[in-house]
Amino acid sequence: SAKGASWVEVTDASGTLLVRKLTSMGEVLPIAAKPPLSVVLGRADMVSVTVRGNALDLSSLSKNNVARFEVN
């Protein structure tokens, strides 16, 4: 979910682009797809991520406020 403007990109294991968009404050993007998923978040400080009901700490995954990670 977005706390402010951010960009989100999610691809599946085959490289198929599932989501690529600029989010706005309050927007929630539920993604239900077979893992592994590759995720890139721009302005990571403006996004909160929940995976299977657990909040993900983006601070450890971010460099220059861009988070790149895989959901398995």
C-alpha atoms as a PDB file:
ATOM      1  CA  SER A   1       0.000   0.000   0.000  1.00  0.00           C
ATOM      2  CA  ALA A   2       1.194   3.494  -0.831  1.00  0.00           C
ATOM      3  CA  LYS A   3       1.728   6.251   1.723  1.00  0.00           C
ATOM      4  CA  GLY A   4       2.554   8.608  -1.139  1.00  0.00           C
ATOM      5  CA  ALA A   5       3.614   8.626  -4.773  1.00  0.00           C
ATOM      6  CA  SER A   6       5.839   5.674  -5.633  1.00  0.00           C
ATOM      7  CA  TRP A   7       6.458   3.377  -8.566  1.00  0.00           C
ATOM      8  CA  VAL A   8       5.987  -0.365  -8.478  1.00  0.00           C
ATOM      9  CA  GLU A   9       7.155  -3.074 -10.840  1.00  0.00           C
ATOM     10  CA  VAL A  10       6.445  -6.782 -10.327  1.00  0.00           C
ATOM     11  CA  THR A  11       7.448  -9.623 -12.642  1.00  0.00           C
ATOM     12  CA  ASP A  12       6.896 -13.353 -12.306  1.00  0.00           C
ATOM     13  CA  ALA A  13       9.457 -16.152 -12.670  1.00  0.00           C
ATOM     14  CA  SER A  14       9.013 -16.289 -16.457  1.00  0.00           C
ATOM     15  CA  GLY A  15       9.717 -12.546 -16.751  1.00  0.00           C
ATOM     16  CA  THR A  16       6.095 -11.621 -17.427  1.00  0.00           C
ATOM     17  CA  LEU A  17       5.344  -8.113 -16.227  1.00  0.00           C
ATOM     18  CA  LEU A  18       2.444  -8.278 -13.760  1.00  0.00           C
ATOM     19  CA  VAL A  19       2.399  -4.662 -12.576  1.00  0.00           C
ATOM     20  CA  ARG A  20       4.178  -1.488 -13.622  1.00  0.00           C
ATOM     21  CA  LYS A  21       2.611   1.685 -12.346  1.00  0.00           C
ATOM     22  CA  LEU A  22       2.940   4.894 -10.420  1.00  0.00           C
ATOM     23  CA  THR A  23       0.931   4.716  -7.209  1.00  0.00           C
ATOM     24  CA  SER A  24      -0.857   7.465  -5.356  1.00  0.00           C
ATOM     25  CA  MET A  25      -1.380   7.931  -1.616  1.00  0.00           C
ATOM     26  CA  GLY A  26      -3.717   5.345  -0.119  1.00  0.00           C
ATOM     27  CA  GLU A  27      -3.621   3.035  -3.124  1.00  0.00           C
ATOM     28  CA  VAL A  28      -3.432  -0.689  -2.367  1.00  0.00           C
ATOM     29  CA  LEU A  29      -2.137  -3.164  -4.941  1.00  0.00           C
ATOM     30  CA  PRO A  30      -3.044  -6.736  -4.044  1.00  0.00           C
ATOM     31  CA  ILE A  31      -0.994  -9.145  -6.145  1.00  0.00           C
ATOM     32  CA  ALA A  32      -1.871 -12.815  -6.240  1.00  0.00           C
ATOM     33  CA  ALA A  33       0.532 -14.757  -8.436  1.00  0.00           C
ATOM     34  CA  LYS A  34       2.666 -17.848  -8.198  1.00  0.00           C
ATOM     35  CA  PRO A  35       6.089 -17.065  -6.709  1.00  0.00           C
ATOM     36  CA  PRO A  36       8.876 -16.306  -7.152  1.00  0.00           C
ATOM     37  CA  LEU A  37       8.069 -12.680  -7.907  1.00  0.00           C
ATOM     38  CA  SER A  38      10.667 -10.009  -8.558  1.00  0.00           C
ATOM     39  CA  VAL A  39       9.737  -6.619  -7.089  1.00  0.00           C
ATOM     40  CA  VAL A  40      11.202  -3.141  -7.595  1.00  0.00           C
ATOM     41  CA  LEU A  41       9.868  -0.199  -5.583  1.00  0.00           C
ATOM     42  CA  GLY A  42      10.877   3.378  -6.229  1.00  0.00           C
ATOM     43  CA  ARG A  43      10.558   5.774  -3.300  1.00  0.00           C
ATOM     44  CA  ALA A  44      10.467   2.753  -1.030  1.00  0.00           C
ATOM     45  CA  ASP A  45       9.900   4.995   1.988  1.00  0.00           C
ATOM     46  CA  MET A  46       6.422   5.747   0.585  1.00  0.00           C
ATOM     47  CA  VAL A  47       5.337   2.088   0.436  1.00  0.00           C
ATOM     48  CA  SER A  48       4.489  -0.598   2.945  1.00  0.00           C
ATOM     49  CA  VAL A  49       4.587  -4.226   1.826  1.00  0.00           C
ATOM     50  CA  THR A  50       2.815  -7.185   3.381  1.00  0.00           C
ATOM     51  CA  VAL A  51       3.664 -10.724   2.274  1.00  0.00           C
ATOM     52  CA  ARG A  52       1.358 -13.504   3.453  1.00  0.00           C
ATOM     53  CA  GLY A  53       0.152 -11.321   6.333  1.00  0.00           C
ATOM     54  CA  ASN A  54       3.632 -10.264   7.489  1.00  0.00           C
ATOM     55  CA  ALA A  55       5.016  -6.746   7.118  1.00  0.00           C
ATOM     56  CA  LEU A  56       8.259  -6.617   5.138  1.00  0.00           C
ATOM     57  CA  ASP A  57      11.088  -4.367   6.378  1.00  0.00           C
ATOM     58  CA  LEU A  58      12.066  -2.417   3.274  1.00  0.00           C
ATOM     59  CA  SER A  59      14.851  -0.446   4.965  1.00  0.00           C
ATOM     60  CA  SER A  60      17.205  -3.433   4.786  1.00  0.00           C
ATOM     61  CA  LEU A  61      16.303  -4.009   1.112  1.00  0.00           C
ATOM     62  CA  SER A  62      16.629  -0.405  -0.060  1.00  0.00           C
ATOM     63  CA  LYS A  63      19.521   1.447  -1.622  1.00  0.00           C
ATOM     64  CA  ASN A  64      19.055   5.108  -2.574  1.00  0.00           C
ATOM     65  CA  ASN A  65      15.371   4.685  -1.650  1.00  0.00           C
ATOM     66  CA  VAL A  66      14.845   1.921  -4.250  1.00  0.00           C
ATOM     67  CA  ALA A  67      13.977  -1.539  -2.921  1.00  0.00           C
ATOM     68  CA  ARG A  68      14.661  -4.641  -4.998  1.00  0.00           C
ATOM     69  CA  PHE A  69      13.666  -8.039  -3.673  1.00  0.00           C
ATOM     70  CA  GLU A  70      12.148 -11.409  -4.483  1.00  0.00           C
ATOM     71  CA  VAL A  71       9.049 -12.957  -2.948  1.00  0.00           C
ATOM     72  CA  ASN A  72       9.355 -16.743  -2.812  1.00  0.00           C
END
